[in-house]
Amino acid sequence: MTVPVPIQLPEGRVIITRKARFSSAHYLALDEWDDQQNFNAFWKASGKPGHGHNYAVEVGVEGTVDPATGMVMNLTDLKAMLLEEAIEPFDFKHLNDDPAFAYKLPAIENICTVLWQCLKPRIATPTMALRWIAVSETDSIWGSILGTNDDNETDCMTDTHHFFTKTTQFCAGHRLHNPAFSDDDNASIFGKCNNPNGHGHNYQLDVTVTGPQDDRTGLIVDLGKLETAVESVVAKVDHLNLNTDVDFLTGVIPTAENIARGLWGQLAPLIPAPASLHRIRLVETYNNAVEYYGPQHGQANDVMGVQPVAMAPR
């Protein structure tokens, strides 16, 4: 019997991911602050004895594929690690009572950090490394931590970057049309999107910021100020015609690409320092979305984290 010759696959590193979920309670409040100060910083999350979330955790492990198994890492082993480090310690617990948060608040950024410190050493081998961890608290708020590409790094928190994402929605109408083109050319290029009376979308907007963690709160951005900034910009496009009603899109063909760039220009100056705007992701339909990383960024190769539940296909 002739043994078939294996197909030669391209070399290179691969990232595998695994998700896990746990349910926990927490509150965000500093003992040295009064109730009003805590509410200003953490909003409703400051209320005691706390509130609960169904958390989703996703990890990305990067490595080379073992020719003997066809795997970067055995997913059964990764599942067991997540069960031991994320599920069993936190599931149906109050995070403020956990020793891991004795000296830090159980904010998303710190949950990412705790999980990173636990998992990074266990996954560090000559052929693979933990690349990122993401934690979602609700379908509109999630955080992530992205690690260095240096698998030999001894300090598991060196060269890590924190991200925080706020998701919101808005409804708007538009028409894709270039007055410099003929009607036939517009119809050919933009198809149904060139309908003279326009059409509408329920857009999803993901705003991702990055920055250093505050030493005391663990946050990288003031939640209230971020919420205010995002909603103030969304108010400029919500339930409006993007061709005629939005001043920062005047004379611009309102494709998803151009809308994302316009939103960046409005949002970037409003992000409270020391955080900064890192990414805008605009979901136009279930099947298409655009990401923009600002005028100073090249190609993005990082992972922003667990995505909220996708919009149902129409």
C-alpha atoms as a PDB file:
ATOM      1  CA  MET A   1       0.000   0.000   0.000  1.00  0.00           C
ATOM      2  CA  THR A   2       1.383   3.381  -1.011  1.00  0.00           C
ATOM      3  CA  VAL A   3       1.654   5.919   1.786  1.00  0.00           C
ATOM      4  CA  PRO A   4       0.626   9.369   0.534  1.00  0.00           C
ATOM      5  CA  VAL A   5       3.262  12.061   0.768  1.00  0.00           C
ATOM      6  CA  PRO A   6       2.145  14.749   3.280  1.00  0.00           C
ATOM      7  CA  ILE A   7       1.438  18.144   1.812  1.00  0.00           C
ATOM      8  CA  GLN A   8       4.048  20.700   2.800  1.00  0.00           C
ATOM      9  CA  LEU A   9       2.273  23.498   4.677  1.00  0.00           C
ATOM     10  CA  PRO A  10       3.790  26.975   5.031  1.00  0.00           C
ATOM     11  CA  GLU A  11       5.859  27.684   8.125  1.00  0.00           C
ATOM     12  CA  GLY A  12       5.144  30.451  10.605  1.00  0.00           C
ATOM     13  CA  ARG A  13       3.613  31.120  13.972  1.00  0.00           C
ATOM     14  CA  VAL A  14      -0.060  30.549  14.685  1.00  0.00           C
ATOM     15  CA  ILE A  15      -2.356  31.920  17.394  1.00  0.00           C
ATOM     16  CA  ILE A  16      -4.950  29.632  18.964  1.00  0.00           C
ATOM     17  CA  THR A  17      -7.693  30.923  21.250  1.00  0.00           C
ATOM     18  CA  ARG A  18      -9.846  29.480  23.970  1.00  0.00           C
ATOM     19  CA  LYS A  19     -12.794  30.982  25.832  1.00  0.00           C
ATOM     20  CA  ALA A  20     -14.041  30.417  29.357  1.00  0.00           C
ATOM     21  CA  ARG A  21     -16.782  31.982  31.448  1.00  0.00           C
ATOM     22  CA  PHE A  22     -17.405  32.699  35.111  1.00  0.00           C
ATOM     23  CA  SER A  23     -19.998  34.578  37.147  1.00  0.00           C
ATOM     24  CA  SER A  24     -18.872  36.868  39.935  1.00  0.00           C
ATOM     25  CA  ALA A  25     -19.848  39.888  41.976  1.00  0.00           C
ATOM     26  CA  HIS A  26     -17.744  42.974  42.609  1.00  0.00           C
ATOM     27  CA  TYR A  27     -17.804  46.672  43.373  1.00  0.00           C
ATOM     28  CA  LEU A  28     -15.302  49.421  42.577  1.00  0.00           C
ATOM     29  CA  ALA A  29     -14.675  51.835  45.451  1.00  0.00           C
ATOM     30  CA  LEU A  30     -11.626  53.141  47.303  1.00  0.00           C
ATOM     31  CA  ASP A  31     -11.755  53.213  51.102  1.00  0.00           C
ATOM     32  CA  GLU A  32     -10.076  56.617  51.263  1.00  0.00           C
ATOM     33  CA  TRP A  33     -12.733  58.224  49.022  1.00  0.00           C
ATOM     34  CA  ASP A  34     -16.227  59.231  50.086  1.00  0.00           C
ATOM     35  CA  ASP A  35     -19.338  57.959  48.316  1.00  0.00           C
ATOM     36  CA  GLN A  36     -19.515  60.904  45.911  1.00  0.00           C
ATOM     37  CA  GLN A  37     -15.863  60.591  44.870  1.00  0.00           C
ATOM     38  CA  ASN A  38     -16.300  56.874  44.228  1.00  0.00           C
ATOM     39  CA  PHE A  39     -19.487  57.457  42.239  1.00  0.00           C
ATOM     40  CA  ASN A  40     -17.778  60.132  40.136  1.00  0.00           C
ATOM     41  CA  ALA A  41     -14.973  57.712  39.275  1.00  0.00           C
ATOM     42  CA  PHE A  42     -16.829  54.397  38.992  1.00  0.00           C
ATOM     43  CA  TRP A  43     -20.501  55.335  38.560  1.00  0.00           C
ATOM     44  CA  LYS A  44     -22.983  52.612  39.550  1.00  0.00           C
ATOM     45  CA  ALA A  45     -20.139  50.127  39.921  1.00  0.00           C
ATOM     46  CA  SER A  46     -19.239  51.818  43.223  1.00  0.00           C
ATOM     47  CA  GLY A  47     -22.402  50.673  44.982  1.00  0.00           C
ATOM     48  CA  LYS A  48     -21.943  48.230  47.873  1.00  0.00           C
ATOM     49  CA  PRO A  49     -22.290  45.340  48.538  1.00  0.00           C
ATOM     50  CA  GLY A  50     -21.781  45.026  44.790  1.00  0.00           C
ATOM     51  CA  HIS A  51     -23.348  43.698  41.622  1.00  0.00           C
ATOM     52  CA  GLY A  52     -22.761  40.715  39.354  1.00  0.00           C
ATOM     53  CA  HIS A  53     -21.559  39.937  35.835  1.00  0.00           C
ATOM     54  CA  ASN A  54     -21.305  36.950  33.559  1.00  0.00           C
ATOM     55  CA  TYR A  55     -17.667  37.370  32.561  1.00  0.00           C
ATOM     56  CA  ALA A  56     -16.166  35.952  29.388  1.00  0.00           C
ATOM     57  CA  VAL A  57     -12.419  35.306  29.208  1.00  0.00           C
ATOM     58  CA  GLU A  58     -10.533  34.637  25.996  1.00  0.00           C
ATOM     59  CA  VAL A  59      -6.826  33.866  25.729  1.00  0.00           C
ATOM     60  CA  GLY A  60      -4.578  33.796  22.685  1.00  0.00           C
ATOM     61  CA  VAL A  61      -1.557  31.496  22.615  1.00  0.00           C
ATOM     62  CA  GLU A  62       0.998  31.989  19.847  1.00  0.00           C
ATOM     63  CA  GLY A  63       3.473  29.366  18.758  1.00  0.00           C
ATOM     64  CA  THR A  64       4.754  27.002  16.125  1.00  0.00           C
ATOM     65  CA  VAL A  65       2.776  23.940  15.103  1.00  0.00           C
ATOM     66  CA  ASP A  66       4.144  20.632  16.373  1.00  0.00           C
ATOM     67  CA  PRO A  67       4.475  18.406  13.272  1.00  0.00           C
ATOM     68  CA  ALA A  68       3.698  15.312  15.349  1.00  0.00           C
ATOM     69  CA  THR A  69       0.348  16.589  16.668  1.00  0.00           C
ATOM     70  CA  GLY A  70      -0.591  19.410  14.309  1.00  0.00           C
ATOM     71  CA  MET A  71      -1.154  21.605  17.355  1.00  0.00           C
ATOM     72  CA  VAL A  72       0.362  24.735  18.866  1.00  0.00           C
ATOM     73  CA  MET A  73      -0.966  23.583  22.223  1.00  0.00           C
ATOM     74  CA  ASN A  74      -3.370  20.870  23.236  1.00  0.00           C
ATOM     75  CA  LEU A  75      -6.685  22.683  23.786  1.00  0.00           C
ATOM     76  CA  THR A  76      -7.566  20.202  26.525  1.00  0.00           C
ATOM     77  CA  ASP A  77      -4.526  21.417  28.485  1.00  0.00           C
ATOM     78  CA  LEU A  78      -5.419  25.066  27.840  1.00  0.00           C
ATOM     79  CA  LYS A  79      -9.004  24.423  28.949  1.00  0.00           C
ATOM     80  CA  ALA A  80      -7.721  22.851  32.165  1.00  0.00           C
ATOM     81  CA  MET A  81      -5.465  25.852  32.853  1.00  0.00           C
ATOM     82  CA  LEU A  82      -8.372  28.254  32.399  1.00  0.00           C
ATOM     83  CA  LEU A  83     -10.526  26.146  34.686  1.00  0.00           C
ATOM     84  CA  GLU A  84      -7.826  26.179  37.365  1.00  0.00           C
ATOM     85  CA  GLU A  85      -6.787  29.839  37.069  1.00  0.00           C
ATOM     86  CA  ALA A  86     -10.000  31.631  36.042  1.00  0.00           C
ATOM     87  CA  ILE A  87     -13.093  29.539  36.666  1.00  0.00           C
ATOM     88  CA  GLU A  88     -12.495  27.756  39.962  1.00  0.00           C
ATOM     89  CA  PRO A  89     -11.018  30.779  41.813  1.00  0.00           C
ATOM     90  CA  PHE A  90     -13.647  33.309  40.683  1.00  0.00           C
ATOM     91  CA  ASP A  91     -16.844  31.514  39.666  1.00  0.00           C
ATOM     92  CA  PHE A  92     -19.811  32.400  41.917  1.00  0.00           C
ATOM     93  CA  LYS A  93     -17.528  34.409  44.217  1.00  0.00           C
ATOM     94  CA  HIS A  94     -17.283  38.030  45.319  1.00  0.00           C
ATOM     95  CA  LEU A  95     -14.075  39.315  43.741  1.00  0.00           C
ATOM     96  CA  ASN A  96     -13.505  41.968  46.421  1.00  0.00           C
ATOM     97  CA  ASP A  97     -13.062  39.129  48.918  1.00  0.00           C
ATOM     98  CA  ASP A  98     -10.499  37.296  46.797  1.00  0.00           C
ATOM     99  CA  PRO A  99      -6.850  37.590  47.966  1.00  0.00           C
ATOM    100  CA  ALA A 100      -5.837  38.411  44.388  1.00  0.00           C
ATOM    101  CA  PHE A 101      -7.624  41.758  44.790  1.00  0.00           C
ATOM    102  CA  ALA A 102      -6.595  42.502  48.360  1.00  0.00           C
ATOM    103  CA  TYR A 103      -4.486  45.460  47.205  1.00  0.00           C
ATOM    104  CA  LYS A 104      -6.186  46.303  43.908  1.00  0.00           C
ATOM    105  CA  LEU A 105      -9.736  46.834  42.746  1.00  0.00           C
ATOM    106  CA  PRO A 106     -11.397  44.055  40.704  1.00  0.00           C
ATOM    107  CA  ALA A 107     -11.678  46.254  37.610  1.00  0.00           C
ATOM    108  CA  ILE A 108     -11.456  44.631  34.189  1.00  0.00           C
ATOM    109  CA  GLU A 109      -7.883  45.849  33.735  1.00  0.00           C
ATOM    110  CA  ASN A 110      -6.822  44.222  37.003  1.00  0.00           C
ATOM    111  CA  ILE A 111      -8.683  40.991  36.265  1.00  0.00           C
ATOM    112  CA  CYS A 112      -6.708  40.810  33.003  1.00  0.00           C
ATOM    113  CA  THR A 113      -3.486  41.460  34.928  1.00  0.00           C
ATOM    114  CA  VAL A 114      -4.154  38.779  37.545  1.00  0.00           C
ATOM    115  CA  LEU A 115      -4.963  36.175  34.889  1.00  0.00           C
ATOM    116  CA  TRP A 116      -1.909  37.204  32.862  1.00  0.00           C
ATOM    117  CA  GLN A 117       0.403  36.787  35.855  1.00  0.00           C
ATOM    118  CA  CYS A 118      -1.040  33.328  36.533  1.00  0.00           C
ATOM    119  CA  LEU A 119      -1.102  31.994  32.973  1.00  0.00           C
ATOM    120  CA  LYS A 120       1.966  33.579  31.360  1.00  0.00           C
ATOM    121  CA  PRO A 121       4.588  31.482  33.230  1.00  0.00           C
ATOM    122  CA  ARG A 122       2.643  28.274  32.640  1.00  0.00           C
ATOM    123  CA  ILE A 123       2.452  28.774  28.874  1.00  0.00           C
ATOM    124  CA  ALA A 124       5.993  30.068  28.333  1.00  0.00           C
ATOM    125  CA  THR A 125       7.907  27.342  26.455  1.00  0.00           C
ATOM    126  CA  PRO A 126      10.458  27.381  23.623  1.00  0.00           C
ATOM    127  CA  THR A 127       7.631  26.862  21.084  1.00  0.00           C
ATOM    128  CA  MET A 128       4.738  28.924  22.450  1.00  0.00           C
ATOM    129  CA  ALA A 129       3.808  31.928  24.572  1.00  0.00           C
ATOM    130  CA  LEU A 130       0.733  33.660  25.912  1.00  0.00           C
ATOM    131  CA  ARG A 131       0.068  36.570  23.557  1.00  0.00           C
ATOM    132  CA  TRP A 132      -3.110  38.189  24.879  1.00  0.00           C
ATOM    133  CA  ILE A 133      -5.972  37.911  27.356  1.00  0.00           C
ATOM    134  CA  ALA A 134      -9.338  39.618  27.052  1.00  0.00           C
ATOM    135  CA  VAL A 135     -12.153  39.873  29.575  1.00  0.00           C
ATOM    136  CA  SER A 136     -15.667  41.109  28.824  1.00  0.00           C
ATOM    137  CA  GLU A 137     -17.872  42.324  31.633  1.00  0.00           C
ATOM    138  CA  THR A 138     -20.954  43.079  29.541  1.00  0.00           C
ATOM    139  CA  ASP A 139     -21.665  43.047  25.819  1.00  0.00           C
ATOM    140  CA  SER A 140     -20.596  46.707  25.681  1.00  0.00           C
ATOM    141  CA  ILE A 141     -17.512  46.803  27.932  1.00  0.00           C
ATOM    142  CA  TRP A 142     -14.380  44.720  27.730  1.00  0.00           C
ATOM    143  CA  GLY A 143     -10.673  45.000  28.398  1.00  0.00           C
ATOM    144  CA  SER A 144      -7.603  43.242  27.101  1.00  0.00           C
ATOM    145  CA  ILE A 145      -3.896  42.917  27.717  1.00  0.00           C
ATOM    146  CA  LEU A 146      -1.433  42.374  24.885  1.00  0.00           C
ATOM    147  CA  GLY A 147       1.993  40.926  25.594  1.00  0.00           C
ATOM    148  CA  THR A 148       5.416  41.262  24.101  1.00  0.00           C
ATOM    149  CA  ASN A 149       6.563  39.100  21.203  1.00  0.00           C
ATOM    150  CA  ASP A 150       9.679  38.224  23.216  1.00  0.00           C
ATOM    151  CA  ASP A 151       9.108  34.682  24.455  1.00  0.00           C
ATOM    152  CA  ASN A 152      12.266  34.907  26.566  1.00  0.00           C
ATOM    153  CA  GLU A 153      10.951  37.793  28.663  1.00  0.00           C
ATOM    154  CA  THR A 154      11.444  36.912  32.337  1.00  0.00           C
ATOM    155  CA  ASP A 155       9.181  39.579  33.848  1.00  0.00           C
ATOM    156  CA  CYS A 156       5.670  38.512  32.863  1.00  0.00           C
ATOM    157  CA  MET A 157       4.380  42.092  33.027  1.00  0.00           C
ATOM    158  CA  THR A 158       7.172  43.707  31.020  1.00  0.00           C
ATOM    159  CA  ASP A 159       6.114  45.201  27.691  1.00  0.00           C
ATOM    160  CA  THR A 160       2.427  44.523  28.150  1.00  0.00           C
ATOM    161  CA  HIS A 161      -0.197  46.943  26.915  1.00  0.00           C
ATOM    162  CA  HIS A 162      -3.677  47.453  28.344  1.00  0.00           C
ATOM    163  CA  PHE A 163      -6.770  48.285  26.309  1.00  0.00           C
ATOM    164  CA  PHE A 164     -10.309  49.198  27.299  1.00  0.00           C
ATOM    165  CA  THR A 165     -13.227  49.131  24.865  1.00  0.00           C
ATOM    166  CA  LYS A 166     -16.605  50.834  25.071  1.00  0.00           C
ATOM    167  CA  THR A 167     -19.280  49.731  22.605  1.00  0.00           C
ATOM    168  CA  THR A 168     -22.344  51.691  21.611  1.00  0.00           C
ATOM    169  CA  GLN A 169     -24.821  51.869  18.728  1.00  0.00           C
ATOM    170  CA  PHE A 170     -26.355  54.525  16.543  1.00  0.00           C
ATOM    171  CA  CYS A 171     -28.787  54.613  13.628  1.00  0.00           C
ATOM    172  CA  ALA A 172     -28.096  56.690  10.538  1.00  0.00           C
ATOM    173  CA  GLY A 173     -28.938  56.923   6.860  1.00  0.00           C
ATOM    174  CA  HIS A 174     -26.607  57.557   3.943  1.00  0.00           C
ATOM    175  CA  ARG A 175     -26.147  57.340   0.209  1.00  0.00           C
ATOM    176  CA  LEU A 176     -22.882  56.454  -1.504  1.00  0.00           C
ATOM    177  CA  HIS A 177     -22.566  58.794  -4.456  1.00  0.00           C
ATOM    178  CA  ASN A 178     -19.800  60.795  -6.088  1.00  0.00           C
ATOM    179  CA  PRO A 179     -21.181  63.786  -8.027  1.00  0.00           C
ATOM    180  CA  ALA A 180     -18.068  63.737 -10.225  1.00  0.00           C
ATOM    181  CA  PHE A 181     -19.097  60.330 -11.597  1.00  0.00           C
ATOM    182  CA  SER A 182     -21.825  59.637 -14.122  1.00  0.00           C
ATOM    183  CA  ASP A 183     -25.032  58.014 -12.935  1.00  0.00           C
ATOM    184  CA  ASP A 184     -24.000  54.779 -14.618  1.00  0.00           C
ATOM    185  CA  ASP A 185     -20.593  54.821 -12.941  1.00  0.00           C
ATOM    186  CA  ASN A 186     -22.124  55.531  -9.528  1.00  0.00           C
ATOM    187  CA  ALA A 187     -24.589  52.681  -9.987  1.00  0.00           C
ATOM    188  CA  SER A 188     -21.795  50.363 -11.104  1.00  0.00           C
ATOM    189  CA  ILE A 189     -19.425  51.238  -8.243  1.00  0.00           C
ATOM    190  CA  PHE A 190     -21.832  51.585  -5.311  1.00  0.00           C
ATOM    191  CA  GLY A 191     -24.666  49.283  -6.374  1.00  0.00           C
ATOM    192  CA  LYS A 192     -27.694  49.351  -4.072  1.00  0.00           C
ATOM    193  CA  CYS A 193     -25.883  51.821  -1.810  1.00  0.00           C
ATOM    194  CA  ASN A 194     -26.363  54.430  -4.563  1.00  0.00           C
ATOM    195  CA  ASN A 195     -30.154  54.372  -4.179  1.00  0.00           C
ATOM    196  CA  PRO A 196     -31.186  58.030  -4.743  1.00  0.00           C
ATOM    197  CA  ASN A 197     -33.292  58.067  -1.577  1.00  0.00           C
ATOM    198  CA  GLY A 198     -30.574  56.481   0.532  1.00  0.00           C
ATOM    199  CA  HIS A 199     -30.799  53.666   3.034  1.00  0.00           C
ATOM    200  CA  GLY A 200     -30.031  53.133   6.718  1.00  0.00           C
ATOM    201  CA  HIS A 201     -27.966  51.044   9.114  1.00  0.00           C
ATOM    202  CA  ASN A 202     -27.899  50.153  12.776  1.00  0.00           C
ATOM    203  CA  TYR A 203     -24.213  50.837  13.322  1.00  0.00           C
ATOM    204  CA  GLN A 204     -22.134  49.366  16.139  1.00  0.00           C
ATOM    205  CA  LEU A 205     -19.230  51.539  17.285  1.00  0.00           C
ATOM    206  CA  ASP A 206     -16.347  50.093  19.316  1.00  0.00           C
ATOM    207  CA  VAL A 207     -14.057  52.710  20.866  1.00  0.00           C
ATOM    208  CA  THR A 208     -10.774  51.297  22.192  1.00  0.00           C
ATOM    209  CA  VAL A 209      -8.412  53.341  24.333  1.00  0.00           C
ATOM    210  CA  THR A 210      -4.993  52.490  25.699  1.00  0.00           C
ATOM    211  CA  GLY A 211      -2.759  53.934  28.372  1.00  0.00           C
ATOM    212  CA  PRO A 212      -1.007  53.290  31.687  1.00  0.00           C
ATOM    213  CA  GLN A 213      -2.909  51.851  34.617  1.00  0.00           C
ATOM    214  CA  ASP A 214      -3.604  54.185  37.520  1.00  0.00           C
ATOM    215  CA  ASP A 215      -1.568  52.956  40.490  1.00  0.00           C
ATOM    216  CA  ARG A 216      -4.531  53.070  42.864  1.00  0.00           C
ATOM    217  CA  THR A 217      -7.645  52.329  40.831  1.00  0.00           C
ATOM    218  CA  GLY A 218      -6.095  50.049  38.220  1.00  0.00           C
ATOM    219  CA  LEU A 219      -8.074  51.825  35.499  1.00  0.00           C
ATOM    220  CA  ILE A 220      -6.547  53.163  32.298  1.00  0.00           C
ATOM    221  CA  VAL A 221      -9.383  55.619  31.670  1.00  0.00           C
ATOM    222  CA  ASP A 222     -12.002  57.440  33.709  1.00  0.00           C
ATOM    223  CA  LEU A 223     -15.187  55.516  32.883  1.00  0.00           C
ATOM    224  CA  GLY A 224     -17.513  58.457  33.270  1.00  0.00           C
ATOM    225  CA  LYS A 225     -15.444  60.775  31.098  1.00  0.00           C
ATOM    226  CA  LEU A 226     -15.095  58.106  28.402  1.00  0.00           C
ATOM    227  CA  GLU A 227     -18.836  57.504  28.424  1.00  0.00           C
ATOM    228  CA  THR A 228     -19.503  61.231  28.109  1.00  0.00           C
ATOM    229  CA  ALA A 229     -17.006  61.622  25.257  1.00  0.00           C
ATOM    230  CA  VAL A 230     -18.394  58.699  23.252  1.00  0.00           C
ATOM    231  CA  GLU A 231     -22.032  59.640  23.690  1.00  0.00           C
ATOM    232  CA  SER A 232     -21.377  63.292  22.811  1.00  0.00           C
ATOM    233  CA  VAL A 233     -19.887  62.240  19.471  1.00  0.00           C
ATOM    234  CA  VAL A 234     -22.545  59.606  18.782  1.00  0.00           C
ATOM    235  CA  ALA A 235     -25.192  62.300  19.286  1.00  0.00           C
ATOM    236  CA  LYS A 236     -23.752  64.071  16.236  1.00  0.00           C
ATOM    237  CA  VAL A 237     -24.639  61.145  13.934  1.00  0.00           C
ATOM    238  CA  ASP A 238     -27.500  59.282  15.612  1.00  0.00           C
ATOM    239  CA  HIS A 239     -30.784  59.264  13.645  1.00  0.00           C
ATOM    240  CA  LEU A 240     -29.341  61.670  11.075  1.00  0.00           C
ATOM    241  CA  ASN A 241     -28.535  61.628   7.384  1.00  0.00           C
ATOM    242  CA  LEU A 242     -24.771  61.315   7.079  1.00  0.00           C
ATOM    243  CA  ASN A 243     -24.743  63.032   3.683  1.00  0.00           C
ATOM    244  CA  THR A 244     -26.553  66.192   4.746  1.00  0.00           C
ATOM    245  CA  ASP A 245     -26.797  66.529   8.531  1.00  0.00           C
ATOM    246  CA  VAL A 246     -23.272  65.898   9.868  1.00  0.00           C
ATOM    247  CA  ASP A 247     -20.858  68.804   9.683  1.00  0.00           C
ATOM    248  CA  PHE A 248     -17.675  66.761  10.009  1.00  0.00           C
ATOM    249  CA  LEU A 249     -18.694  64.646   6.987  1.00  0.00           C
ATOM    250  CA  THR A 250     -19.549  67.580   4.714  1.00  0.00           C
ATOM    251  CA  GLY A 251     -18.541  66.802   1.136  1.00  0.00           C
ATOM    252  CA  VAL A 252     -17.373  63.305   2.109  1.00  0.00           C
ATOM    253  CA  ILE A 253     -18.734  60.078   0.649  1.00  0.00           C
ATOM    254  CA  PRO A 254     -20.021  58.442   3.869  1.00  0.00           C
ATOM    255  CA  THR A 255     -18.555  54.985   3.406  1.00  0.00           C
ATOM    256  CA  ALA A 256     -17.791  53.036   6.566  1.00  0.00           C
ATOM    257  CA  GLU A 257     -14.119  53.878   6.035  1.00  0.00           C
ATOM    258  CA  ASN A 258     -14.791  57.615   5.911  1.00  0.00           C
ATOM    259  CA  ILE A 259     -17.266  57.546   8.794  1.00  0.00           C
ATOM    260  CA  ALA A 260     -14.660  55.803  10.969  1.00  0.00           C
ATOM    261  CA  ARG A 261     -12.048  58.419  10.086  1.00  0.00           C
ATOM    262  CA  GLY A 262     -14.500  61.220  10.789  1.00  0.00           C
ATOM    263  CA  LEU A 263     -15.437  59.749  14.158  1.00  0.00           C
ATOM    264  CA  TRP A 264     -11.750  59.425  15.030  1.00  0.00           C
ATOM    265  CA  GLY A 265     -11.243  63.130  14.401  1.00  0.00           C
ATOM    266  CA  GLN A 266     -14.100  63.958  16.761  1.00  0.00           C
ATOM    267  CA  LEU A 267     -13.207  61.463  19.504  1.00  0.00           C
ATOM    268  CA  ALA A 268      -9.433  61.613  19.752  1.00  0.00           C
ATOM    269  CA  PRO A 269      -9.284  65.085  21.371  1.00  0.00           C
ATOM    270  CA  LEU A 270     -11.937  64.103  23.931  1.00  0.00           C
ATOM    271  CA  ILE A 271     -10.227  61.024  25.409  1.00  0.00           C
ATOM    272  CA  PRO A 272      -9.130  61.934  28.956  1.00  0.00           C
ATOM    273  CA  ALA A 273      -5.357  61.855  29.457  1.00  0.00           C
ATOM    274  CA  PRO A 274      -3.187  59.927  30.050  1.00  0.00           C
ATOM    275  CA  ALA A 275      -5.286  57.491  27.988  1.00  0.00           C
ATOM    276  CA  SER A 276      -5.394  57.896  24.228  1.00  0.00           C
ATOM    277  CA  LEU A 277      -7.594  56.641  21.416  1.00  0.00           C
ATOM    278  CA  HIS A 278      -6.167  53.441  19.943  1.00  0.00           C
ATOM    279  CA  ARG A 279      -8.808  52.045  17.597  1.00  0.00           C
ATOM    280  CA  ILE A 280     -12.240  52.669  16.168  1.00  0.00           C
ATOM    281  CA  ARG A 281     -14.183  49.705  14.845  1.00  0.00           C
ATOM    282  CA  LEU A 282     -17.376  50.480  12.978  1.00  0.00           C
ATOM    283  CA  VAL A 283     -19.722  47.575  12.226  1.00  0.00           C
ATOM    284  CA  GLU A 284     -22.065  48.536   9.398  1.00  0.00           C
ATOM    285  CA  THR A 285     -23.805  45.180   8.888  1.00  0.00           C
ATOM    286  CA  TYR A 286     -23.420  41.644  10.178  1.00  0.00           C
ATOM    287  CA  ASN A 287     -21.068  40.937   7.280  1.00  0.00           C
ATOM    288  CA  ASN A 288     -18.877  44.022   7.065  1.00  0.00           C
ATOM    289  CA  ALA A 289     -16.958  46.279   9.413  1.00  0.00           C
ATOM    290  CA  VAL A 290     -13.996  48.629   9.271  1.00  0.00           C
ATOM    291  CA  GLU A 291     -11.187  49.315  11.757  1.00  0.00           C
ATOM    292  CA  TYR A 292      -9.146  52.519  11.931  1.00  0.00           C
ATOM    293  CA  TYR A 293      -6.061  53.084  14.068  1.00  0.00           C
ATOM    294  CA  GLY A 294      -5.485  56.774  13.477  1.00  0.00           C
ATOM    295  CA  PRO A 295      -3.235  58.806  11.200  1.00  0.00           C
ATOM    296  CA  GLN A 296      -0.018  57.874  13.002  1.00  0.00           C
ATOM    297  CA  HIS A 297      -0.473  54.099  12.973  1.00  0.00           C
ATOM    298  CA  GLY A 298       0.614  51.543  10.446  1.00  0.00           C
ATOM    299  CA  GLN A 299      -0.890  48.133  10.029  1.00  0.00           C
ATOM    300  CA  ALA A 300      -2.431  46.911  13.260  1.00  0.00           C
ATOM    301  CA  ASN A 301      -1.558  43.406  14.390  1.00  0.00           C
ATOM    302  CA  ASP A 302      -2.870  43.337  17.928  1.00  0.00           C
ATOM    303  CA  VAL A 303      -6.030  41.820  19.310  1.00  0.00           C
ATOM    304  CA  MET A 304      -8.554  43.972  21.112  1.00  0.00           C
ATOM    305  CA  GLY A 305     -10.308  41.195  22.902  1.00  0.00           C
ATOM    306  CA  VAL A 306     -13.552  39.396  23.415  1.00  0.00           C
ATOM    307  CA  GLN A 307     -16.149  40.824  21.082  1.00  0.00           C
ATOM    308  CA  PRO A 308     -19.720  41.353  22.242  1.00  0.00           C
ATOM    309  CA  VAL A 309     -22.510  39.215  20.859  1.00  0.00           C
ATOM    310  CA  ALA A 310     -22.666  39.754  17.100  1.00  0.00           C
ATOM    311  CA  MET A 311     -25.681  41.361  15.547  1.00  0.00           C
ATOM    312  CA  ALA A 312     -28.047  38.761  14.130  1.00  0.00           C
ATOM    313  CA  PRO A 313     -27.815  38.302  10.354  1.00  0.00           C
ATOM    314  CA  ARG A 314     -30.670  39.725   8.429  1.00  0.00           C
END
